[in-house]
Amino acid sequence: MLGFPCNQFGDQEPGSNEEILEFATSKFDVNFPMFSKIEVNGDGAAELYKMLKDAQPGEGETSDITWNFEKFLVNGTGDVVARFSPMVTPEEIAEQLDNFR
Protein backbone atom coordinates (compact mmCIF):
# COMPACT_ATOMS: atom_id res chain seq x y z
CA MET A 1 0.00 0.00 0.00
CA LEU A 2 1.22 3.48 -0.89
CA GLY A 3 -0.38 6.80 0.07
CA PHE A 4 -0.48 9.92 -2.08
CA PRO A 5 -2.10 12.86 -0.27
CA CYS A 6 -4.14 15.22 -2.42
CA ASN A 7 -5.89 18.46 -1.51
CA GLN A 8 -8.33 18.45 -4.44
CA PHE A 9 -11.23 17.09 -2.37
CA GLY A 10 -12.91 19.42 0.10
CA ASP A 11 -9.59 20.95 1.23
CA GLN A 12 -8.95 17.86 3.38
CA GLU A 13 -5.15 17.91 3.00
CA PRO A 14 -4.19 21.58 3.38
CA GLY A 15 -1.06 20.95 5.46
CA SER A 16 2.53 20.35 4.54
CA ASN A 17 3.76 16.86 3.73
CA GLU A 18 5.15 16.61 7.26
CA GLU A 19 1.84 17.70 8.84
CA ILE A 20 -0.11 15.22 6.72
CA LEU A 21 2.23 12.37 7.68
CA GLU A 22 1.99 13.26 11.39
CA PHE A 23 -1.82 13.35 11.21
CA ALA A 24 -2.06 10.06 9.29
CA THR A 25 0.27 8.21 11.62
CA SER A 26 -1.08 9.60 14.90
CA LYS A 27 -4.80 9.49 14.09
CA PHE A 28 -5.03 6.45 11.79
CA ASP A 29 -1.88 4.48 12.66
CA VAL A 30 -0.77 4.58 9.01
CA ASN A 31 2.24 2.32 8.61
CA PHE A 32 2.69 2.35 4.83
CA PRO A 33 4.79 4.78 2.76
CA MET A 34 3.28 8.26 2.36
CA PHE A 35 4.52 10.30 -0.57
CA SER A 36 4.47 14.03 -1.22
CA LYS A 37 1.15 15.73 -1.87
CA ILE A 38 0.11 15.58 -5.53
CA GLU A 39 -2.79 16.41 -7.82
CA VAL A 40 -4.74 13.49 -9.22
CA ASN A 41 -7.21 15.25 -11.55
CA GLY A 42 -7.00 18.04 -14.08
CA ASP A 43 -4.12 19.49 -16.04
CA GLY A 44 -1.76 19.19 -13.06
CA ALA A 45 -2.46 15.50 -12.42
CA ALA A 46 0.64 13.47 -11.60
CA GLU A 47 1.80 11.16 -14.39
CA LEU A 48 1.25 8.18 -12.10
CA TYR A 49 -2.44 9.01 -11.78
CA LYS A 50 -2.82 9.67 -15.48
CA MET A 51 -1.47 6.15 -16.08
CA LEU A 52 -3.66 4.58 -13.35
CA LYS A 53 -6.81 6.27 -14.67
CA ASP A 54 -6.02 5.33 -18.28
CA ALA A 55 -5.62 1.69 -17.27
CA GLN A 56 -8.71 1.61 -15.04
CA PRO A 57 -11.05 4.47 -16.02
CA GLY A 58 -13.77 3.57 -13.55
CA GLU A 59 -17.49 3.41 -14.10
CA GLY A 60 -18.48 7.08 -14.17
CA GLU A 61 -18.76 9.53 -17.03
CA THR A 62 -15.17 10.57 -16.41
CA SER A 63 -12.07 8.74 -15.23
CA ASP A 64 -11.42 11.42 -12.60
CA ILE A 65 -10.72 10.36 -9.05
CA THR A 66 -13.96 10.94 -7.13
CA TRP A 67 -12.63 11.41 -3.58
CA ASN A 68 -9.65 10.78 -1.34
CA PHE A 69 -9.00 7.11 -0.59
CA GLU A 70 -9.88 5.86 -4.07
CA LYS A 71 -7.62 2.85 -4.62
CA PHE A 72 -5.89 1.04 -7.46
CA LEU A 73 -4.52 -2.49 -7.39
CA VAL A 74 -1.31 -3.07 -9.33
CA ASN A 75 0.02 -6.61 -9.76
CA GLY A 76 3.63 -7.76 -9.50
CA THR A 77 4.33 -7.06 -13.17
CA GLY A 78 3.01 -3.50 -12.98
CA ASP A 79 -0.40 -4.06 -14.56
CA VAL A 80 -3.22 -1.97 -13.08
CA VAL A 81 -5.77 -4.71 -12.50
CA ALA A 82 -8.52 -3.03 -10.47
CA ARG A 83 -9.89 0.24 -9.18
CA PHE A 84 -11.87 0.57 -5.94
CA SER A 85 -14.13 3.31 -4.66
CA PRO A 86 -13.14 5.33 -1.59
CA MET A 87 -15.58 3.36 0.57
CA VAL A 88 -13.92 -0.02 -0.12
CA THR A 89 -11.55 -0.85 2.73
CA PRO A 90 -8.09 -2.38 2.35
CA GLU A 91 -9.43 -5.42 4.20
CA GLU A 92 -12.16 -5.86 1.58
CA ILE A 93 -9.56 -5.63 -1.16
CA ALA A 94 -7.40 -8.23 0.61
CA GLU A 95 -10.35 -10.64 0.56
CA GLN A 96 -10.46 -10.34 -3.25
CA LEU A 97 -6.74 -10.66 -4.00
CA ASP A 98 -7.03 -14.25 -5.21
CA ASN A 99 -9.32 -12.97 -7.99
CA PHE A 100 -6.41 -10.96 -9.43
CA ARG A 101 -3.59 -13.50 -9.39
PDB file of N, CA and C in Angstrom:
ATOM      1  N   MET A   1       0.852  -1.162   0.000  1.00  0.00           N
ATOM      2  CA  MET A   1       0.000   0.000   0.000  1.00  0.00           C
ATOM      3  C   MET A   1       0.905   1.234   0.000  1.00  0.00           C
ATOM      4  N   LEU A   2       0.514   2.209  -0.793  1.00  0.00           N
ATOM      5  CA  LEU A   2       1.221   3.483  -0.895  1.00  0.00           C
ATOM      6  C   LEU A   2       0.199   4.597  -0.779  1.00  0.00           C
ATOM      7  N   GLY A   3       0.538   5.669  -0.089  1.00  0.00           N
ATOM      8  CA  GLY A   3      -0.375   6.800   0.075  1.00  0.00           C
ATOM      9  C   GLY A   3       0.123   8.036  -0.649  1.00  0.00           C
ATOM     10  N   PHE A   4      -0.788   8.674  -1.370  1.00  0.00           N
ATOM     11  CA  PHE A   4      -0.477   9.918  -2.084  1.00  0.00           C
ATOM     12  C   PHE A   4      -1.488  10.978  -1.669  1.00  0.00           C
ATOM     13  N   PRO A   5      -1.159  11.821  -0.700  1.00  0.00           N
ATOM     14  CA  PRO A   5      -2.096  12.857  -0.270  1.00  0.00           C
ATOM     15  C   PRO A   5      -2.432  13.804  -1.423  1.00  0.00           C
ATOM     16  N   CYS A   6      -3.665  14.300  -1.392  1.00  0.00           N
ATOM     17  CA  CYS A   6      -4.144  15.215  -2.418  1.00  0.00           C
ATOM     18  C   CYS A   6      -5.127  16.188  -1.768  1.00  0.00           C
ATOM     19  N   ASN A   7      -5.016  17.445  -2.107  1.00  0.00           N
ATOM     20  CA  ASN A   7      -5.891  18.458  -1.513  1.00  0.00           C
ATOM     21  C   ASN A   7      -6.976  18.910  -2.491  1.00  0.00           C
ATOM     22  N   GLN A   8      -7.323  18.084  -3.455  1.00  0.00           N
ATOM     23  CA  GLN A   8      -8.333  18.454  -4.442  1.00  0.00           C
ATOM     24  C   GLN A   8      -9.746  18.074  -4.016  1.00  0.00           C
ATOM     25  N   PHE A   9      -9.924  17.582  -2.817  1.00  0.00           N
ATOM     26  CA  PHE A   9     -11.227  17.092  -2.371  1.00  0.00           C
ATOM     27  C   PHE A   9     -11.613  17.730  -1.047  1.00  0.00           C
ATOM     28  N   GLY A  10     -12.396  18.783  -1.103  1.00  0.00           N
ATOM     29  CA  GLY A  10     -12.908  19.424   0.104  1.00  0.00           C
ATOM     30  C   GLY A  10     -11.836  20.014   0.998  1.00  0.00           C
ATOM     31  N   ASP A  11     -10.674  20.334   0.446  1.00  0.00           N
ATOM     32  CA  ASP A  11      -9.591  20.952   1.231  1.00  0.00           C
ATOM     33  C   ASP A  11      -9.234  20.098   2.449  1.00  0.00           C
ATOM     34  N   GLN A  12      -9.217  18.764   2.272  1.00  0.00           N
ATOM     35  CA  GLN A  12      -8.946  17.858   3.383  1.00  0.00           C
ATOM     36  C   GLN A  12      -7.468  17.672   3.680  1.00  0.00           C
ATOM     37  N   GLU A  13      -6.593  18.076   2.788  1.00  0.00           N
ATOM     38  CA  GLU A  13      -5.155  17.910   2.995  1.00  0.00           C
ATOM     39  C   GLU A  13      -4.423  19.242   2.817  1.00  0.00           C
ATOM     40  N   PRO A  14      -4.792  20.267   3.596  1.00  0.00           N
ATOM     41  CA  PRO A  14      -4.189  21.584   3.377  1.00  0.00           C
ATOM     42  C   PRO A  14      -2.765  21.724   3.920  1.00  0.00           C
ATOM     43  N   GLY A  15      -2.345  20.821   4.780  1.00  0.00           N
ATOM     44  CA  GLY A  15      -1.059  20.955   5.461  1.00  0.00           C
ATOM     45  C   GLY A  15       0.130  20.608   4.584  1.00  0.00           C
ATOM     46  N   SER A  16       1.293  20.745   5.204  1.00  0.00           N
ATOM     47  CA  SER A  16       2.531  20.353   4.539  1.00  0.00           C
ATOM     48  C   SER A  16       2.622  18.830   4.519  1.00  0.00           C
ATOM     49  N   ASN A  17       3.561  18.307   3.766  1.00  0.00           N
ATOM     50  CA  ASN A  17       3.760  16.861   3.726  1.00  0.00           C
ATOM     51  C   ASN A  17       4.040  16.316   5.123  1.00  0.00           C
ATOM     52  N   GLU A  18       4.822  17.048   5.895  1.00  0.00           N
ATOM     53  CA  GLU A  18       5.148  16.612   7.261  1.00  0.00           C
ATOM     54  C   GLU A  18       3.907  16.606   8.150  1.00  0.00           C
ATOM     55  N   GLU A  19       3.068  17.625   8.039  1.00  0.00           N
ATOM     56  CA  GLU A  19       1.841  17.697   8.838  1.00  0.00           C
ATOM     57  C   GLU A  19       0.871  16.571   8.459  1.00  0.00           C
ATOM     58  N   ILE A  20       0.776  16.288   7.182  1.00  0.00           N
ATOM     59  CA  ILE A  20      -0.109  15.215   6.718  1.00  0.00           C
ATOM     60  C   ILE A  20       0.375  13.874   7.253  1.00  0.00           C
ATOM     61  N   LEU A  21       1.672  13.626   7.182  1.00  0.00           N
ATOM     62  CA  LEU A  21       2.227  12.372   7.680  1.00  0.00           C
ATOM     63  C   LEU A  21       1.989  12.234   9.182  1.00  0.00           C
ATOM     64  N   GLU A  22       2.216  13.292   9.935  1.00  0.00           N
ATOM     65  CA  GLU A  22       1.986  13.259  11.388  1.00  0.00           C
ATOM     66  C   GLU A  22       0.527  12.947  11.699  1.00  0.00           C
ATOM     67  N   PHE A  23      -0.394  13.590  11.006  1.00  0.00           N
ATOM     68  CA  PHE A  23      -1.823  13.351  11.212  1.00  0.00           C
ATOM     69  C   PHE A  23      -2.188  11.902  10.879  1.00  0.00           C
ATOM     70  N   ALA A  24      -1.719  11.419   9.732  1.00  0.00           N
ATOM     71  CA  ALA A  24      -2.064  10.062   9.287  1.00  0.00           C
ATOM     72  C   ALA A  24      -1.519   9.005  10.237  1.00  0.00           C
ATOM     73  N   THR A  25      -0.312   9.211  10.736  1.00  0.00           N
ATOM     74  CA  THR A  25       0.274   8.205  11.623  1.00  0.00           C
ATOM     75  C   THR A  25      -0.296   8.280  13.032  1.00  0.00           C
ATOM     76  N   SER A  26      -0.576   9.482  13.519  1.00  0.00           N
ATOM     77  CA  SER A  26      -1.078   9.600  14.896  1.00  0.00           C
ATOM     78  C   SER A  26      -2.570   9.298  15.000  1.00  0.00           C
ATOM     79  N   LYS A  27      -3.351   9.681  14.014  1.00  0.00           N
ATOM     80  CA  LYS A  27      -4.803   9.488  14.091  1.00  0.00           C
ATOM     81  C   LYS A  27      -5.255   8.140  13.530  1.00  0.00           C
ATOM     82  N   PHE A  28      -4.586   7.661  12.474  1.00  0.00           N
ATOM     83  CA  PHE A  28      -5.034   6.450  11.790  1.00  0.00           C
ATOM     84  C   PHE A  28      -4.007   5.323  11.821  1.00  0.00           C
ATOM     85  N   ASP A  29      -2.910   5.510  12.529  1.00  0.00           N
ATOM     86  CA  ASP A  29      -1.878   4.479  12.660  1.00  0.00           C
ATOM     87  C   ASP A  29      -1.379   3.993  11.300  1.00  0.00           C
ATOM     88  N   VAL A  30      -1.265   4.913  10.346  1.00  0.00           N
ATOM     89  CA  VAL A  30      -0.771   4.582   9.014  1.00  0.00           C
ATOM     90  C   VAL A  30       0.652   4.054   9.144  1.00  0.00           C
ATOM     91  N   ASN A  31       0.900   2.900   8.537  1.00  0.00           N
ATOM     92  CA  ASN A  31       2.241   2.320   8.609  1.00  0.00           C
ATOM     93  C   ASN A  31       2.763   1.934   7.223  1.00  0.00           C
ATOM     94  N   PHE A  32       2.217   2.566   6.188  1.00  0.00           N
ATOM     95  CA  PHE A  32       2.687   2.354   4.826  1.00  0.00           C
ATOM     96  C   PHE A  32       3.312   3.646   4.321  1.00  0.00           C
ATOM     97  N   PRO A  33       4.114   3.578   3.260  1.00  0.00           N
ATOM     98  CA  PRO A  33       4.786   4.778   2.756  1.00  0.00           C
ATOM     99  C   PRO A  33       3.788   5.865   2.328  1.00  0.00           C
ATOM    100  N   MET A  34       4.051   7.079   2.769  1.00  0.00           N
ATOM    101  CA  MET A  34       3.282   8.261   2.358  1.00  0.00           C
ATOM    102  C   MET A  34       4.210   9.129   1.514  1.00  0.00           C
ATOM    103  N   PHE A  35       3.734   9.494   0.351  1.00  0.00           N
ATOM    104  CA  PHE A  35       4.521  10.297  -0.567  1.00  0.00           C
ATOM    105  C   PHE A  35       4.117  11.764  -0.467  1.00  0.00           C
ATOM    106  N   SER A  36       4.786  12.611  -1.206  1.00  0.00           N
ATOM    107  CA  SER A  36       4.473  14.033  -1.219  1.00  0.00           C
ATOM    108  C   SER A  36       3.088  14.260  -1.801  1.00  0.00           C
ATOM    109  N   LYS A  37       2.477  15.352  -1.388  1.00  0.00           N
ATOM    110  CA  LYS A  37       1.152  15.729  -1.873  1.00  0.00           C
ATOM    111  C   LYS A  37       1.206  15.967  -3.379  1.00  0.00           C
ATOM    112  N   ILE A  38       0.183  15.454  -4.076  1.00  0.00           N
ATOM    113  CA  ILE A  38       0.113  15.581  -5.532  1.00  0.00           C
ATOM    114  C   ILE A  38      -1.303  15.966  -5.942  1.00  0.00           C
ATOM    115  N   GLU A  39      -1.464  16.253  -7.225  1.00  0.00           N
ATOM    116  CA  GLU A  39      -2.789  16.410  -7.816  1.00  0.00           C
ATOM    117  C   GLU A  39      -3.096  15.134  -8.585  1.00  0.00           C
ATOM    118  N   VAL A  40      -4.356  14.728  -8.555  1.00  0.00           N
ATOM    119  CA  VAL A  40      -4.743  13.488  -9.220  1.00  0.00           C
ATOM    120  C   VAL A  40      -5.708  13.720 -10.385  1.00  0.00           C
ATOM    121  N   ASN A  41      -6.272  14.898 -10.471  1.00  0.00           N
ATOM    122  CA  ASN A  41      -7.210  15.251 -11.547  1.00  0.00           C
ATOM    123  C   ASN A  41      -6.765  16.549 -12.207  1.00  0.00           C
ATOM    124  N   GLY A  42      -7.255  16.779 -13.397  1.00  0.00           N
ATOM    125  CA  GLY A  42      -7.001  18.045 -14.080  1.00  0.00           C
ATOM    126  C   GLY A  42      -5.664  18.096 -14.790  1.00  0.00           C
ATOM    127  N   ASP A  43      -5.350  19.286 -15.272  1.00  0.00           N
ATOM    128  CA  ASP A  43      -4.124  19.490 -16.044  1.00  0.00           C
ATOM    129  C   ASP A  43      -2.871  19.207 -15.231  1.00  0.00           C
ATOM    130  N   GLY A  44      -2.932  19.409 -13.915  1.00  0.00           N
ATOM    131  CA  GLY A  44      -1.765  19.194 -13.059  1.00  0.00           C
ATOM    132  C   GLY A  44      -1.663  17.803 -12.472  1.00  0.00           C
ATOM    133  N   ALA A  45      -2.476  16.862 -12.971  1.00  0.00           N
ATOM    134  CA  ALA A  45      -2.458  15.503 -12.421  1.00  0.00           C
ATOM    135  C   ALA A  45      -1.077  14.870 -12.594  1.00  0.00           C
ATOM    136  N   ALA A  46      -0.636  14.183 -11.561  1.00  0.00           N
ATOM    137  CA  ALA A  46       0.643  13.474 -11.600  1.00  0.00           C
ATOM    138  C   ALA A  46       0.597  12.391 -12.677  1.00  0.00           C
ATOM    139  N   GLU A  47       1.724  12.170 -13.329  1.00  0.00           N
ATOM    140  CA  GLU A  47       1.805  11.161 -14.393  1.00  0.00           C
ATOM    141  C   GLU A  47       1.355   9.794 -13.895  1.00  0.00           C
ATOM    142  N   LEU A  48       1.680   9.460 -12.658  1.00  0.00           N
ATOM    143  CA  LEU A  48       1.250   8.181 -12.097  1.00  0.00           C
ATOM    144  C   LEU A  48      -0.266   8.047 -12.163  1.00  0.00           C
ATOM    145  N   TYR A  49      -0.978   9.085 -11.776  1.00  0.00           N
ATOM    146  CA  TYR A  49      -2.435   9.011 -11.775  1.00  0.00           C
ATOM    147  C   TYR A  49      -3.025   9.065 -13.170  1.00  0.00           C
ATOM    148  N   LYS A  50      -2.368   9.721 -14.089  1.00  0.00           N
ATOM    149  CA  LYS A  50      -2.819   9.665 -15.482  1.00  0.00           C
ATOM    150  C   LYS A  50      -2.755   8.225 -15.974  1.00  0.00           C
ATOM    151  N   MET A  51      -1.648   7.532 -15.663  1.00  0.00           N
ATOM    152  CA  MET A  51      -1.473   6.148 -16.075  1.00  0.00           C
ATOM    153  C   MET A  51      -2.497   5.242 -15.392  1.00  0.00           C
ATOM    154  N   LEU A  52      -2.690   5.413 -14.080  1.00  0.00           N
ATOM    155  CA  LEU A  52      -3.655   4.585 -13.353  1.00  0.00           C
ATOM    156  C   LEU A  52      -5.065   4.751 -13.918  1.00  0.00           C
ATOM    157  N   LYS A  53      -5.456   5.996 -14.162  1.00  0.00           N
ATOM    158  CA  LYS A  53      -6.811   6.266 -14.671  1.00  0.00           C
ATOM    159  C   LYS A  53      -6.989   5.787 -16.106  1.00  0.00           C
ATOM    160  N   ASP A  54      -5.930   5.859 -16.912  1.00  0.00           N
ATOM    161  CA  ASP A  54      -6.017   5.332 -18.276  1.00  0.00           C
ATOM    162  C   ASP A  54      -6.223   3.818 -18.250  1.00  0.00           C
ATOM    163  N   ALA A  55      -5.534   3.146 -17.342  1.00  0.00           N
ATOM    164  CA  ALA A  55      -5.615   1.686 -17.266  1.00  0.00           C
ATOM    165  C   ALA A  55      -6.935   1.211 -16.665  1.00  0.00           C
ATOM    166  N   GLN A  56      -7.453   1.961 -15.712  1.00  0.00           N
ATOM    167  CA  GLN A  56      -8.712   1.608 -15.037  1.00  0.00           C
ATOM    168  C   GLN A  56      -9.565   2.872 -14.943  1.00  0.00           C
ATOM    169  N   PRO A  57     -10.318   3.206 -15.992  1.00  0.00           N
ATOM    170  CA  PRO A  57     -11.046   4.474 -16.024  1.00  0.00           C
ATOM    171  C   PRO A  57     -12.235   4.580 -15.079  1.00  0.00           C
ATOM    172  N   GLY A  58     -12.635   3.499 -14.463  1.00  0.00           N
ATOM    173  CA  GLY A  58     -13.774   3.574 -13.550  1.00  0.00           C
ATOM    174  C   GLY A  58     -15.092   3.449 -14.285  1.00  0.00           C
ATOM    175  N   GLU A  59     -16.163   3.645 -13.532  1.00  0.00           N
ATOM    176  CA  GLU A  59     -17.492   3.411 -14.095  1.00  0.00           C
ATOM    177  C   GLU A  59     -18.296   4.688 -14.332  1.00  0.00           C
ATOM    178  N   GLY A  60     -17.750   5.835 -13.995  1.00  0.00           N
ATOM    179  CA  GLY A  60     -18.481   7.081 -14.166  1.00  0.00           C
ATOM    180  C   GLY A  60     -18.338   7.647 -15.562  1.00  0.00           C
ATOM    181  N   GLU A  61     -18.841   8.861 -15.726  1.00  0.00           N
ATOM    182  CA  GLU A  61     -18.763   9.532 -17.027  1.00  0.00           C
ATOM    183  C   GLU A  61     -17.349  10.019 -17.315  1.00  0.00           C
ATOM    184  N   THR A  62     -16.538  10.124 -16.271  1.00  0.00           N
ATOM    185  CA  THR A  62     -15.167  10.568 -16.409  1.00  0.00           C
ATOM    186  C   THR A  62     -14.270   9.620 -15.621  1.00  0.00           C
ATOM    187  N   SER A  63     -13.004   9.590 -15.969  1.00  0.00           N
ATOM    188  CA  SER A  63     -12.071   8.736 -15.227  1.00  0.00           C
ATOM    189  C   SER A  63     -11.505   9.439 -13.997  1.00  0.00           C
ATOM    190  N   ASP A  64     -11.942  10.663 -13.743  1.00  0.00           N
ATOM    191  CA  ASP A  64     -11.421  11.415 -12.601  1.00  0.00           C
ATOM    192  C   ASP A  64     -11.578  10.653 -11.296  1.00  0.00           C
ATOM    193  N   ILE A  65     -10.638  10.882 -10.405  1.00  0.00           N
ATOM    194  CA  ILE A  65     -10.722  10.357  -9.050  1.00  0.00           C
ATOM    195  C   ILE A  65     -11.881  11.085  -8.376  1.00  0.00           C
ATOM    196  N   THR A  66     -12.743  10.343  -7.694  1.00  0.00           N
ATOM    197  CA  THR A  66     -13.956  10.938  -7.127  1.00  0.00           C
ATOM    198  C   THR A  66     -13.759  11.518  -5.731  1.00  0.00           C
ATOM    199  N   TRP A  67     -12.834  10.956  -4.958  1.00  0.00           N
ATOM    200  CA  TRP A  67     -12.632  11.411  -3.585  1.00  0.00           C
ATOM    201  C   TRP A  67     -11.348  10.791  -3.054  1.00  0.00           C
ATOM    202  N   ASN A  68     -10.812  11.379  -1.991  1.00  0.00           N
ATOM    203  CA  ASN A  68      -9.655  10.779  -1.337  1.00  0.00           C
ATOM    204  C   ASN A  68      -9.950   9.328  -0.991  1.00  0.00           C
ATOM    205  N   PHE A  69      -8.945   8.527  -0.959  1.00  0.00           N
ATOM    206  CA  PHE A  69      -8.995   7.106  -0.593  1.00  0.00           C
ATOM    207  C   PHE A  69      -9.522   6.214  -1.711  1.00  0.00           C
ATOM    208  N   GLU A  70      -9.626   6.741  -2.936  1.00  0.00           N
ATOM    209  CA  GLU A  70      -9.879   5.860  -4.069  1.00  0.00           C
ATOM    210  C   GLU A  70      -8.608   5.027  -4.244  1.00  0.00           C
ATOM    211  N   LYS A  71      -8.758   3.757  -4.623  1.00  0.00           N
ATOM    212  CA  LYS A  71      -7.623   2.850  -4.620  1.00  0.00           C
ATOM    213  C   LYS A  71      -7.468   2.135  -5.956  1.00  0.00           C
ATOM    214  N   PHE A  72      -6.219   1.827  -6.281  1.00  0.00           N
ATOM    215  CA  PHE A  72      -5.894   1.037  -7.461  1.00  0.00           C
ATOM    216  C   PHE A  72      -5.075  -0.157  -7.011  1.00  0.00           C
ATOM    217  N   LEU A  73      -5.291  -1.287  -7.667  1.00  0.00           N
ATOM    218  CA  LEU A  73      -4.520  -2.491  -7.393  1.00  0.00           C
ATOM    219  C   LEU A  73      -3.611  -2.746  -8.578  1.00  0.00           C
ATOM    220  N   VAL A  74      -2.313  -2.835  -8.298  1.00  0.00           N
ATOM    221  CA  VAL A  74      -1.306  -3.070  -9.325  1.00  0.00           C
ATOM    222  C   VAL A  74      -0.651  -4.412  -9.018  1.00  0.00           C
ATOM    223  N   ASN A  75      -0.563  -5.293 -10.016  1.00  0.00           N
ATOM    224  CA  ASN A  75       0.023  -6.610  -9.760  1.00  0.00           C
ATOM    225  C   ASN A  75       1.550  -6.549  -9.795  1.00  0.00           C
ATOM    226  N   GLY A  76       2.176  -7.686  -9.589  1.00  0.00           N
ATOM    227  CA  GLY A  76       3.631  -7.756  -9.495  1.00  0.00           C
ATOM    228  C   GLY A  76       4.370  -7.409 -10.768  1.00  0.00           C
ATOM    229  N   THR A  77       3.686  -7.436 -11.903  1.00  0.00           N
ATOM    230  CA  THR A  77       4.335  -7.060 -13.168  1.00  0.00           C
ATOM    231  C   THR A  77       4.014  -5.630 -13.580  1.00  0.00           C
ATOM    232  N   GLY A  78       3.294  -4.903 -12.713  1.00  0.00           N
ATOM    233  CA  GLY A  78       3.009  -3.502 -12.982  1.00  0.00           C
ATOM    234  C   GLY A  78       1.710  -3.224 -13.697  1.00  0.00           C
ATOM    235  N   ASP A  79       0.899  -4.263 -13.919  1.00  0.00           N
ATOM    236  CA  ASP A  79      -0.399  -4.061 -14.564  1.00  0.00           C
ATOM    237  C   ASP A  79      -1.405  -3.533 -13.547  1.00  0.00           C
ATOM    238  N   VAL A  80      -2.163  -2.509 -13.928  1.00  0.00           N
ATOM    239  CA  VAL A  80      -3.216  -1.968 -13.077  1.00  0.00           C
ATOM    240  C   VAL A  80      -4.433  -2.853 -13.289  1.00  0.00           C
ATOM    241  N   VAL A  81      -4.762  -3.673 -12.296  1.00  0.00           N
ATOM    242  CA  VAL A  81      -5.766  -4.708 -12.500  1.00  0.00           C
ATOM    243  C   VAL A  81      -7.132  -4.376 -11.908  1.00  0.00           C
ATOM    244  N   ALA A  82      -7.211  -3.365 -11.055  1.00  0.00           N
ATOM    245  CA  ALA A  82      -8.517  -3.033 -10.474  1.00  0.00           C
ATOM    246  C   ALA A  82      -8.485  -1.619  -9.911  1.00  0.00           C
ATOM    247  N   ARG A  83      -9.681  -1.081  -9.778  1.00  0.00           N
ATOM    248  CA  ARG A  83      -9.889   0.242  -9.181  1.00  0.00           C
ATOM    249  C   ARG A  83     -11.039   0.104  -8.186  1.00  0.00           C
ATOM    250  N   PHE A  84     -10.877   0.700  -7.009  1.00  0.00           N
ATOM    251  CA  PHE A  84     -11.866   0.569  -5.944  1.00  0.00           C
ATOM    252  C   PHE A  84     -12.310   1.946  -5.458  1.00  0.00           C
ATOM    253  N   SER A  85     -13.577   2.045  -5.149  1.00  0.00           N
ATOM    254  CA  SER A  85     -14.131   3.310  -4.658  1.00  0.00           C
ATOM    255  C   SER A  85     -13.546   3.660  -3.289  1.00  0.00           C
ATOM    256  N   PRO A  86     -13.667   4.911  -2.890  1.00  0.00           N
ATOM    257  CA  PRO A  86     -13.142   5.327  -1.587  1.00  0.00           C
ATOM    258  C   PRO A  86     -13.727   4.548  -0.413  1.00  0.00           C
ATOM    259  N   MET A  87     -14.931   4.043  -0.552  1.00  0.00           N
ATOM    260  CA  MET A  87     -15.582   3.357   0.567  1.00  0.00           C
ATOM    261  C   MET A  87     -15.106   1.917   0.749  1.00  0.00           C
ATOM    262  N   VAL A  88     -14.435   1.342  -0.236  1.00  0.00           N
ATOM    263  CA  VAL A  88     -13.924  -0.019  -0.122  1.00  0.00           C
ATOM    264  C   VAL A  88     -12.682   0.021   0.769  1.00  0.00           C
ATOM    265  N   THR A  89     -12.661  -0.835   1.783  1.00  0.00           N
ATOM    266  CA  THR A  89     -11.553  -0.850   2.730  1.00  0.00           C
ATOM    267  C   THR A  89     -10.405  -1.726   2.213  1.00  0.00           C
ATOM    268  N   PRO A  90      -9.205  -1.491   2.706  1.00  0.00           N
ATOM    269  CA  PRO A  90      -8.094  -2.377   2.347  1.00  0.00           C
ATOM    270  C   PRO A  90      -8.382  -3.836   2.716  1.00  0.00           C
ATOM    271  N   GLU A  91      -9.084  -4.050   3.791  1.00  0.00           N
ATOM    272  CA  GLU A  91      -9.430  -5.416   4.199  1.00  0.00           C
ATOM    273  C   GLU A  91     -10.342  -6.083   3.170  1.00  0.00           C
ATOM    274  N   GLU A  92     -11.286  -5.312   2.620  1.00  0.00           N
ATOM    275  CA  GLU A  92     -12.163  -5.861   1.584  1.00  0.00           C
ATOM    276  C   GLU A  92     -11.379  -6.180   0.313  1.00  0.00           C
ATOM    277  N   ILE A  93     -10.402  -5.364   0.000  1.00  0.00           N
ATOM    278  CA  ILE A  93      -9.559  -5.633  -1.163  1.00  0.00           C
ATOM    279  C   ILE A  93      -8.746  -6.903  -0.918  1.00  0.00           C
ATOM    280  N   ALA A  94      -8.202  -7.045   0.273  1.00  0.00           N
ATOM    281  CA  ALA A  94      -7.403  -8.232   0.610  1.00  0.00           C
ATOM    282  C   ALA A  94      -8.205  -9.508   0.411  1.00  0.00           C
ATOM    283  N   GLU A  95      -9.478  -9.466   0.728  1.00  0.00           N
ATOM    284  CA  GLU A  95     -10.347 -10.642   0.564  1.00  0.00           C
ATOM    285  C   GLU A  95     -10.499 -11.028  -0.906  1.00  0.00           C
ATOM    286  N   GLN A  96     -10.275 -10.095  -1.814  1.00  0.00           N
ATOM    287  CA  GLN A  96     -10.461 -10.336  -3.248  1.00  0.00           C
ATOM    288  C   GLN A  96      -9.159 -10.613  -3.988  1.00  0.00           C
ATOM    289  N   LEU A  97      -8.024 -10.577  -3.315  1.00  0.00           N
ATOM    290  CA  LEU A  97      -6.737 -10.659  -4.001  1.00  0.00           C
ATOM    291  C   LEU A  97      -6.593 -11.916  -4.844  1.00  0.00           C
ATOM    292  N   ASP A  98      -7.136 -13.026  -4.412  1.00  0.00           N
ATOM    293  CA  ASP A  98      -7.028 -14.252  -5.209  1.00  0.00           C
ATOM    294  C   ASP A  98      -7.685 -14.102  -6.578  1.00  0.00           C
ATOM    295  N   ASN A  99      -8.652 -13.202  -6.705  1.00  0.00           N
ATOM    296  CA  ASN A  99      -9.320 -12.975  -7.990  1.00  0.00           C
ATOM    297  C   ASN A  99      -8.398 -12.301  -9.019  1.00  0.00           C
ATOM    298  N   PHE A 100      -7.282 -11.737  -8.544  1.00  0.00           N
ATOM    299  CA  PHE A 100      -6.411 -10.956  -9.431  1.00  0.00           C
ATOM    300  C   PHE A 100      -5.054 -11.615  -9.653  1.00  0.00           C
ATOM    301  N   ARG A 101      -4.895 -12.824  -9.236  1.00  0.00           N
ATOM    302  CA  ARG A 101      -3.590 -13.505  -9.391  1.00  0.00           C
ATOM    303  C   ARG A 101      -3.493 -14.180 -10.729  1.00  0.00           C
TER     304      ARG A 101
END
